[in-house]
Amino acid sequence: MKTLMVFDFDHTLVDDNSDTWVVRCLPGQTLPDYLRNSYRKGHWTEFMGRVMKYIGEQEVSPDRVRSVMETIPFTAGMTDLLTFISEQKSSIECIIISDSNIMFIDWILHAAGVHSAVDQVFSNPATFNERGHMEVECYHSHDCSRCPVNLCKKKVLEAYLKEQAKGGVEYERIFYVGDGGNDLCPTSCLRGRDVVMPRKGFTLEKLLSKLGGQRENGALRAGVISWSSGADILKELRASVPL
C-alpha cells in the first residue's frame, strides 16, 4: 500500500503567506487602510476577492501578478522533499489542501519545477475575468464550526480518502504536514498509524500540545512529530517508505 502525504501550503511548503505576498505586485507594495480593515474573522477568501479586485483596478497585469508570486521562497528543504516524492510516485501520493488559491499554488509549484510531485490540489478556485482581474471563490460551504466558512480541511481529506477507497486505494500511512489553526481539524480523522507533523513554533504545534492529554478519548489518535525544515520530514518519510 502507498503512503499519502498531505500538505498545507502557506508557511508549510512555502515560507510565507501567498495571499499577503501578492501585495508586492502593487507599485507601493501596500493596501489602503479601508481595504485592510475590511477583513472579518473567518472570511479571508472574501477579503482576498476584494484585494485581487483592487490589484486589478490598479492596472496590474496578470503577468505581473504571476511573476511576483513565483518569487515567494520555499521553506528550507521543501523542494528537495518534493523532488524526492516526485521520484517515488509508485509508493507515495501527495496532495495539497490550502486556503490559498489554485492559481497561486500552480504558478509557484511550476516555477520551482516540483509540480510533478503533487497529485491533486484542493484550494479556492481562481480565474481571471475579461478585465484581467483575478476572481477568487470559496472552495465549498460546510457546517463545521471550527473552520473558516470557505474551507474545512477535514471534510476535504475525508472526501478524498472515501473517493480513493471506492477505487480500491488504501494507504499504509498518512502524513499530515501543516502549521496553522485550520490544520487541526483534519488531524482528528487520522488513524493511530498515521502521523501529524506540525511546524515547530507555529500554531498547530501549540494546539496539538493541548490535545496531548486527550488522546485516550479519541481527540487525536495519530502520532505527532514536529519539524523545522523539509529535511526533517524527508528523514521520517525515508524511514517509512520502502525504497
C-alpha atoms as a PDB file:
ATOM      1  CA  MET A   1       0.000   0.000   0.000  1.00  0.00           C
ATOM      2  CA  LYS A   2       1.040   3.567  -0.668  1.00  0.00           C
ATOM      3  CA  THR A   3       1.914   6.378   1.701  1.00  0.00           C
ATOM      4  CA  LEU A   4      -0.154   9.571   1.440  1.00  0.00           C
ATOM      5  CA  MET A   5       1.479  12.944   2.052  1.00  0.00           C
ATOM      6  CA  VAL A   6      -0.951  15.776   2.812  1.00  0.00           C
ATOM      7  CA  PHE A   7       0.489  19.293   2.842  1.00  0.00           C
ATOM      8  CA  ASP A   8      -0.735  22.700   3.787  1.00  0.00           C
ATOM      9  CA  PHE A   9       0.836  25.376   1.560  1.00  0.00           C
ATOM     10  CA  ASP A  10       1.411  28.766   3.214  1.00  0.00           C
ATOM     11  CA  HIS A  11       4.076  28.713   5.957  1.00  0.00           C
ATOM     12  CA  THR A  12       4.499  24.994   5.252  1.00  0.00           C
ATOM     13  CA  LEU A  13       5.681  24.291   1.708  1.00  0.00           C
ATOM     14  CA  VAL A  14       6.392  27.986   1.171  1.00  0.00           C
ATOM     15  CA  ASP A  15       7.889  30.122   3.913  1.00  0.00           C
ATOM     16  CA  ASP A  16       5.386  32.965   3.749  1.00  0.00           C
ATOM     17  CA  ASN A  17       1.704  33.669   3.119  1.00  0.00           C
ATOM     18  CA  SER A  18       0.954  33.652  -0.605  1.00  0.00           C
ATOM     19  CA  ASP A  19      -2.134  35.804  -0.083  1.00  0.00           C
ATOM     20  CA  THR A  20      -0.110  38.612   1.504  1.00  0.00           C
ATOM     21  CA  TRP A  21       2.888  38.103  -0.805  1.00  0.00           C
ATOM     22  CA  VAL A  22       0.754  39.141  -3.785  1.00  0.00           C
ATOM     23  CA  VAL A  23       0.567  42.708  -2.434  1.00  0.00           C
ATOM     24  CA  ARG A  24       4.189  43.088  -3.592  1.00  0.00           C
ATOM     25  CA  CYS A  25       2.912  43.393  -7.158  1.00  0.00           C
ATOM     26  CA  LEU A  26       1.413  46.809  -6.335  1.00  0.00           C
ATOM     27  CA  PRO A  27       3.543  49.903  -7.060  1.00  0.00           C
ATOM     28  CA  GLY A  28       3.571  50.864  -3.361  1.00  0.00           C
ATOM     29  CA  GLN A  29       3.509  47.240  -2.146  1.00  0.00           C
ATOM     30  CA  THR A  30       0.752  48.057   0.357  1.00  0.00           C
ATOM     31  CA  LEU A  31      -3.036  48.079   0.603  1.00  0.00           C
ATOM     32  CA  PRO A  32      -5.101  51.132   1.544  1.00  0.00           C
ATOM     33  CA  ASP A  33      -6.385  51.204   5.135  1.00  0.00           C
ATOM     34  CA  TYR A  34     -10.049  50.859   4.152  1.00  0.00           C
ATOM     35  CA  LEU A  35      -9.262  47.592   2.388  1.00  0.00           C
ATOM     36  CA  ARG A  36      -7.015  46.177   5.122  1.00  0.00           C
ATOM     37  CA  ASN A  37      -9.671  46.979   7.714  1.00  0.00           C
ATOM     38  CA  SER A  38     -12.437  45.249   5.751  1.00  0.00           C
ATOM     39  CA  TYR A  39     -11.349  41.757   6.822  1.00  0.00           C
ATOM     40  CA  ARG A  40     -13.767  39.833   9.059  1.00  0.00           C
ATOM     41  CA  LYS A  41     -12.545  36.802  11.019  1.00  0.00           C
ATOM     42  CA  GLY A  42     -13.298  33.548   9.230  1.00  0.00           C
ATOM     43  CA  HIS A  43     -13.968  35.330   5.923  1.00  0.00           C
ATOM     44  CA  TRP A  44     -10.450  35.535   4.474  1.00  0.00           C
ATOM     45  CA  THR A  45     -11.386  34.374   0.974  1.00  0.00           C
ATOM     46  CA  GLU A  46     -13.970  37.131   0.554  1.00  0.00           C
ATOM     47  CA  PHE A  47     -11.309  39.588   1.720  1.00  0.00           C
ATOM     48  CA  MET A  48      -8.853  38.236  -0.860  1.00  0.00           C
ATOM     49  CA  GLY A  49     -11.502  38.685  -3.527  1.00  0.00           C
ATOM     50  CA  ARG A  50     -11.562  42.393  -2.678  1.00  0.00           C
ATOM     51  CA  VAL A  51      -7.751  42.525  -2.624  1.00  0.00           C
ATOM     52  CA  MET A  52      -7.458  40.998  -6.090  1.00  0.00           C
ATOM     53  CA  LYS A  53     -10.183  43.310  -7.417  1.00  0.00           C
ATOM     54  CA  TYR A  54      -8.207  46.289  -6.089  1.00  0.00           C
ATOM     55  CA  ILE A  55      -4.968  44.970  -7.644  1.00  0.00           C
ATOM     56  CA  GLY A  56      -6.764  44.664 -10.980  1.00  0.00           C
ATOM     57  CA  GLU A  57      -8.132  48.196 -10.677  1.00  0.00           C
ATOM     58  CA  GLN A  58      -4.559  49.460 -10.275  1.00  0.00           C
ATOM     59  CA  GLU A  59      -3.937  48.023 -13.760  1.00  0.00           C
ATOM     60  CA  VAL A  60      -1.509  45.388 -12.528  1.00  0.00           C
ATOM     61  CA  SER A  61      -1.321  42.801 -15.317  1.00  0.00           C
ATOM     62  CA  PRO A  62      -1.843  39.058 -14.789  1.00  0.00           C
ATOM     63  CA  ASP A  63       1.754  38.509 -15.939  1.00  0.00           C
ATOM     64  CA  ARG A  64       2.997  40.914 -13.260  1.00  0.00           C
ATOM     65  CA  VAL A  65       0.964  39.108 -10.581  1.00  0.00           C
ATOM     66  CA  ARG A  66       2.366  35.756 -11.699  1.00  0.00           C
ATOM     67  CA  SER A  67       5.973  36.957 -11.820  1.00  0.00           C
ATOM     68  CA  VAL A  68       5.714  38.259  -8.247  1.00  0.00           C
ATOM     69  CA  MET A  69       4.079  35.090  -6.951  1.00  0.00           C
ATOM     70  CA  GLU A  70       6.844  32.979  -8.482  1.00  0.00           C
ATOM     71  CA  THR A  71       9.389  34.712  -6.221  1.00  0.00           C
ATOM     72  CA  ILE A  72       7.878  33.511  -2.933  1.00  0.00           C
ATOM     73  CA  PRO A  73      10.510  31.463  -1.066  1.00  0.00           C
ATOM     74  CA  PHE A  74      10.034  27.803  -0.302  1.00  0.00           C
ATOM     75  CA  THR A  75      10.617  26.673   3.264  1.00  0.00           C
ATOM     76  CA  ALA A  76      14.114  25.203   3.710  1.00  0.00           C
ATOM     77  CA  GLY A  77      14.355  21.655   2.379  1.00  0.00           C
ATOM     78  CA  MET A  78      10.886  21.561   0.862  1.00  0.00           C
ATOM     79  CA  THR A  79      11.949  21.500  -2.796  1.00  0.00           C
ATOM     80  CA  ASP A  80      14.272  18.570  -2.004  1.00  0.00           C
ATOM     81  CA  LEU A  81      11.378  16.836  -0.241  1.00  0.00           C
ATOM     82  CA  LEU A  82       9.031  17.369  -3.175  1.00  0.00           C
ATOM     83  CA  THR A  83      11.712  16.202  -5.617  1.00  0.00           C
ATOM     84  CA  PHE A  84      12.086  13.002  -3.597  1.00  0.00           C
ATOM     85  CA  ILE A  85       8.307  12.485  -3.645  1.00  0.00           C
ATOM     86  CA  SER A  86       8.205  13.006  -7.422  1.00  0.00           C
ATOM     87  CA  GLU A  87      10.821  10.241  -7.793  1.00  0.00           C
ATOM     88  CA  GLN A  88       8.808   7.817  -5.634  1.00  0.00           C
ATOM     89  CA  LYS A  89       5.348   8.107  -7.180  1.00  0.00           C
ATOM     90  CA  SER A  90       4.895   4.337  -7.224  1.00  0.00           C
ATOM     91  CA  SER A  91       4.840   4.356  -3.418  1.00  0.00           C
ATOM     92  CA  ILE A  92       3.924   7.934  -2.424  1.00  0.00           C
ATOM     93  CA  GLU A  93       0.887  10.029  -3.288  1.00  0.00           C
ATOM     94  CA  CYS A  94       0.850  13.725  -2.450  1.00  0.00           C
ATOM     95  CA  ILE A  95      -1.979  16.234  -2.141  1.00  0.00           C
ATOM     96  CA  ILE A  96      -2.199  19.860  -1.012  1.00  0.00           C
ATOM     97  CA  ILE A  97      -5.142  21.239   0.973  1.00  0.00           C
ATOM     98  CA  SER A  98      -4.791  25.001   1.258  1.00  0.00           C
ATOM     99  CA  ASP A  99      -6.711  28.190   1.961  1.00  0.00           C
ATOM    100  CA  SER A 100      -4.656  29.991  -0.714  1.00  0.00           C
ATOM    101  CA  ASN A 101      -5.971  29.538  -4.262  1.00  0.00           C
ATOM    102  CA  ILE A 102      -5.458  27.112  -7.119  1.00  0.00           C
ATOM    103  CA  MET A 103      -3.768  29.616  -9.422  1.00  0.00           C
ATOM    104  CA  PHE A 104      -1.147  30.851  -6.944  1.00  0.00           C
ATOM    105  CA  ILE A 105      -0.230  27.300  -5.948  1.00  0.00           C
ATOM    106  CA  ASP A 106       0.010  26.086  -9.553  1.00  0.00           C
ATOM    107  CA  TRP A 107       2.239  29.004 -10.561  1.00  0.00           C
ATOM    108  CA  ILE A 108       4.560  28.557  -7.593  1.00  0.00           C
ATOM    109  CA  LEU A 109       4.928  24.781  -7.977  1.00  0.00           C
ATOM    110  CA  HIS A 110       5.643  25.072 -11.711  1.00  0.00           C
ATOM    111  CA  ALA A 111       8.181  27.860 -11.223  1.00  0.00           C
ATOM    112  CA  ALA A 112      10.093  25.678  -8.766  1.00  0.00           C
ATOM    113  CA  GLY A 113       9.886  22.625 -11.037  1.00  0.00           C
ATOM    114  CA  VAL A 114       8.161  20.481  -8.399  1.00  0.00           C
ATOM    115  CA  HIS A 115       4.584  20.321  -9.704  1.00  0.00           C
ATOM    116  CA  SER A 116       5.013  16.661 -10.729  1.00  0.00           C
ATOM    117  CA  ALA A 117       5.250  15.693  -7.046  1.00  0.00           C
ATOM    118  CA  VAL A 118       1.660  16.749  -6.387  1.00  0.00           C
ATOM    119  CA  ASP A 119      -1.229  14.560  -7.493  1.00  0.00           C
ATOM    120  CA  GLN A 120      -4.031  16.930  -6.577  1.00  0.00           C
ATOM    121  CA  VAL A 121      -4.545  20.412  -5.124  1.00  0.00           C
ATOM    122  CA  PHE A 122      -7.628  21.329  -3.103  1.00  0.00           C
ATOM    123  CA  SER A 123      -7.892  25.090  -2.742  1.00  0.00           C
ATOM    124  CA  ASN A 124     -10.076  28.070  -3.556  1.00  0.00           C
ATOM    125  CA  PRO A 125     -10.834  28.395  -7.291  1.00  0.00           C
ATOM    126  CA  ALA A 126      -9.351  31.434  -9.050  1.00  0.00           C
ATOM    127  CA  THR A 127      -9.719  32.776 -12.583  1.00  0.00           C
ATOM    128  CA  PHE A 128      -9.024  35.990 -14.460  1.00  0.00           C
ATOM    129  CA  ASN A 129     -12.134  37.744 -15.778  1.00  0.00           C
ATOM    130  CA  GLU A 130     -12.447  39.591 -19.078  1.00  0.00           C
ATOM    131  CA  ARG A 131     -10.953  42.739 -17.492  1.00  0.00           C
ATOM    132  CA  GLY A 132      -7.837  40.832 -16.407  1.00  0.00           C
ATOM    133  CA  HIS A 133      -8.817  40.916 -12.716  1.00  0.00           C
ATOM    134  CA  MET A 134      -8.361  37.764 -10.661  1.00  0.00           C
ATOM    135  CA  GLU A 135     -11.549  36.482  -9.043  1.00  0.00           C
ATOM    136  CA  VAL A 136     -11.271  34.125  -6.058  1.00  0.00           C
ATOM    137  CA  GLU A 137     -14.169  31.928  -4.923  1.00  0.00           C
ATOM    138  CA  CYS A 138     -14.774  29.864  -1.795  1.00  0.00           C
ATOM    139  CA  TYR A 139     -13.759  26.213  -2.149  1.00  0.00           C
ATOM    140  CA  HIS A 140     -17.012  24.912  -0.657  1.00  0.00           C
ATOM    141  CA  SER A 141     -19.600  25.524   2.051  1.00  0.00           C
ATOM    142  CA  HIS A 142     -19.765  23.369   5.168  1.00  0.00           C
ATOM    143  CA  ASP A 143     -21.241  23.106   8.646  1.00  0.00           C
ATOM    144  CA  CYS A 144     -18.010  22.771  10.666  1.00  0.00           C
ATOM    145  CA  SER A 145     -17.962  25.434  13.374  1.00  0.00           C
ATOM    146  CA  ARG A 146     -14.179  25.140  13.875  1.00  0.00           C
ATOM    147  CA  CYS A 147     -13.118  26.118  10.365  1.00  0.00           C
ATOM    148  CA  PRO A 148     -13.249  29.198   8.108  1.00  0.00           C
ATOM    149  CA  VAL A 149     -16.523  29.418   6.164  1.00  0.00           C
ATOM    150  CA  ASN A 150     -14.862  28.599   2.834  1.00  0.00           C
ATOM    151  CA  LEU A 151     -12.817  25.517   3.737  1.00  0.00           C
ATOM    152  CA  CYS A 152     -12.933  22.636   6.219  1.00  0.00           C
ATOM    153  CA  LYS A 153      -9.786  20.630   5.586  1.00  0.00           C
ATOM    154  CA  LYS A 154     -11.147  17.618   7.457  1.00  0.00           C
ATOM    155  CA  LYS A 155     -14.127  17.364   5.115  1.00  0.00           C
ATOM    156  CA  VAL A 156     -11.816  17.657   2.101  1.00  0.00           C
ATOM    157  CA  LEU A 157      -9.482  14.941   3.403  1.00  0.00           C
ATOM    158  CA  GLU A 158     -12.341  12.619   4.384  1.00  0.00           C
ATOM    159  CA  ALA A 159     -13.946  13.021   0.946  1.00  0.00           C
ATOM    160  CA  TYR A 160     -10.619  12.323  -0.780  1.00  0.00           C
ATOM    161  CA  LEU A 161      -9.983   9.183   1.278  1.00  0.00           C
ATOM    162  CA  LYS A 162     -13.538   7.961   0.637  1.00  0.00           C
ATOM    163  CA  GLU A 163     -13.200   8.522  -3.105  1.00  0.00           C
ATOM    164  CA  GLN A 164      -9.844   6.741  -3.183  1.00  0.00           C
ATOM    165  CA  ALA A 165     -11.265   3.815  -1.206  1.00  0.00           C
ATOM    166  CA  LYS A 166     -14.019   3.434  -3.815  1.00  0.00           C
ATOM    167  CA  GLY A 167     -11.249   2.883  -6.359  1.00  0.00           C
ATOM    168  CA  GLY A 168      -9.606   0.297  -4.129  1.00  0.00           C
ATOM    169  CA  VAL A 169      -6.862   2.621  -2.855  1.00  0.00           C
ATOM    170  CA  GLU A 170      -5.988   2.341   0.820  1.00  0.00           C
ATOM    171  CA  TYR A 171      -2.987   3.967   2.485  1.00  0.00           C
ATOM    172  CA  GLU A 172      -0.470   2.241   4.703  1.00  0.00           C
ATOM    173  CA  ARG A 173       0.265   5.558   6.375  1.00  0.00           C
ATOM    174  CA  ILE A 174      -0.800   9.179   6.103  1.00  0.00           C
ATOM    175  CA  PHE A 175       1.495  12.089   6.954  1.00  0.00           C
ATOM    176  CA  TYR A 176      -0.298  15.397   7.523  1.00  0.00           C
ATOM    177  CA  VAL A 177       2.098  18.368   7.366  1.00  0.00           C
ATOM    178  CA  GLY A 178       0.925  21.832   8.390  1.00  0.00           C
ATOM    179  CA  ASP A 179       1.387  24.847  10.609  1.00  0.00           C
ATOM    180  CA  GLY A 180      -1.854  26.702  11.275  1.00  0.00           C
ATOM    181  CA  GLY A 181      -5.020  26.573  13.320  1.00  0.00           C
ATOM    182  CA  ASN A 182      -7.063  25.361  10.334  1.00  0.00           C
ATOM    183  CA  ASP A 183      -4.779  22.305  10.137  1.00  0.00           C
ATOM    184  CA  LEU A 184      -6.049  20.988  13.481  1.00  0.00           C
ATOM    185  CA  CYS A 185      -9.484  19.843  12.315  1.00  0.00           C
ATOM    186  CA  PRO A 186      -8.230  17.247   9.765  1.00  0.00           C
ATOM    187  CA  THR A 187      -5.927  15.614  12.322  1.00  0.00           C
ATOM    188  CA  SER A 188      -8.972  14.135  14.052  1.00  0.00           C
ATOM    189  CA  CYS A 189      -9.648  11.797  11.119  1.00  0.00           C
ATOM    190  CA  LEU A 190      -6.130  10.323  11.159  1.00  0.00           C
ATOM    191  CA  ARG A 191      -5.535   6.806  12.471  1.00  0.00           C
ATOM    192  CA  GLY A 192      -3.136   5.540  15.096  1.00  0.00           C
ATOM    193  CA  ARG A 193      -0.533   4.551  12.495  1.00  0.00           C
ATOM    194  CA  ASP A 194      -0.674   7.974  10.824  1.00  0.00           C
ATOM    195  CA  VAL A 195       1.474  10.981  11.698  1.00  0.00           C
ATOM    196  CA  VAL A 196       0.636  14.653  12.039  1.00  0.00           C
ATOM    197  CA  MET A 197       3.674  16.868  11.533  1.00  0.00           C
ATOM    198  CA  PRO A 198       3.290  20.417  12.896  1.00  0.00           C
ATOM    199  CA  ARG A 199       5.875  23.096  12.173  1.00  0.00           C
ATOM    200  CA  LYS A 200       7.898  23.900  15.293  1.00  0.00           C
ATOM    201  CA  GLY A 201       6.892  27.129  16.987  1.00  0.00           C
ATOM    202  CA  PHE A 202       3.693  27.593  14.970  1.00  0.00           C
ATOM    203  CA  THR A 203       0.016  27.468  15.970  1.00  0.00           C
ATOM    204  CA  LEU A 204      -0.681  23.828  15.065  1.00  0.00           C
ATOM    205  CA  GLU A 205       2.108  22.570  17.328  1.00  0.00           C
ATOM    206  CA  LYS A 206       0.714  24.583  20.246  1.00  0.00           C
ATOM    207  CA  LEU A 207      -2.840  23.334  19.653  1.00  0.00           C
ATOM    208  CA  LEU A 208      -1.675  19.723  19.429  1.00  0.00           C
ATOM    209  CA  SER A 209       0.239  20.040  22.697  1.00  0.00           C
ATOM    210  CA  LYS A 210      -3.036  20.986  24.382  1.00  0.00           C
ATOM    211  CA  LEU A 211      -4.645  17.863  22.926  1.00  0.00           C
ATOM    212  CA  GLY A 212      -1.799  15.642  24.145  1.00  0.00           C
ATOM    213  CA  GLY A 213      -3.580  14.561  27.284  1.00  0.00           C
ATOM    214  CA  GLN A 214      -6.817  13.853  25.425  1.00  0.00           C
ATOM    215  CA  ARG A 215      -5.512  11.113  23.128  1.00  0.00           C
ATOM    216  CA  GLU A 216      -7.321   8.431  25.112  1.00  0.00           C
ATOM    217  CA  ASN A 217     -10.731   9.924  24.305  1.00  0.00           C
ATOM    218  CA  GLY A 218     -10.121   9.930  20.555  1.00  0.00           C
ATOM    219  CA  ALA A 219      -9.416  13.633  20.064  1.00  0.00           C
ATOM    220  CA  LEU A 220      -6.083  12.686  18.485  1.00  0.00           C
ATOM    221  CA  ARG A 221      -5.034   9.168  17.568  1.00  0.00           C
ATOM    222  CA  ALA A 222      -2.114   9.907  15.218  1.00  0.00           C
ATOM    223  CA  GLY A 223       1.472  10.252  16.330  1.00  0.00           C
ATOM    224  CA  VAL A 224       2.968  13.746  16.453  1.00  0.00           C
ATOM    225  CA  ILE A 225       6.407  14.635  15.068  1.00  0.00           C
ATOM    226  CA  SER A 226       7.359  18.313  14.817  1.00  0.00           C
ATOM    227  CA  TRP A 227       9.549  19.691  12.035  1.00  0.00           C
ATOM    228  CA  SER A 228      11.686  22.740  11.308  1.00  0.00           C
ATOM    229  CA  SER A 229      12.639  22.030   7.699  1.00  0.00           C
ATOM    230  CA  GLY A 230      11.781  19.747   4.815  1.00  0.00           C
ATOM    231  CA  ALA A 231      14.833  17.673   5.754  1.00  0.00           C
ATOM    232  CA  ASP A 232      13.107  16.637   8.998  1.00  0.00           C
ATOM    233  CA  ILE A 233      10.064  15.443   7.056  1.00  0.00           C
ATOM    234  CA  LEU A 234      12.204  13.709   4.434  1.00  0.00           C
ATOM    235  CA  LYS A 235      14.021  11.787   7.176  1.00  0.00           C
ATOM    236  CA  GLU A 236      10.716  10.448   8.543  1.00  0.00           C
ATOM    237  CA  LEU A 237       9.387   9.686   5.074  1.00  0.00           C
ATOM    238  CA  ARG A 238      12.512   7.759   4.059  1.00  0.00           C
ATOM    239  CA  ALA A 239      12.229   5.655   7.229  1.00  0.00           C
ATOM    240  CA  SER A 240       8.589   4.877   6.467  1.00  0.00           C
ATOM    241  CA  VAL A 241       8.660   4.140   2.739  1.00  0.00           C
ATOM    242  CA  PRO A 242      10.374   1.031   1.352  1.00  0.00           C
ATOM    243  CA  LEU A 243      12.794   2.137  -1.360  1.00  0.00           C
END
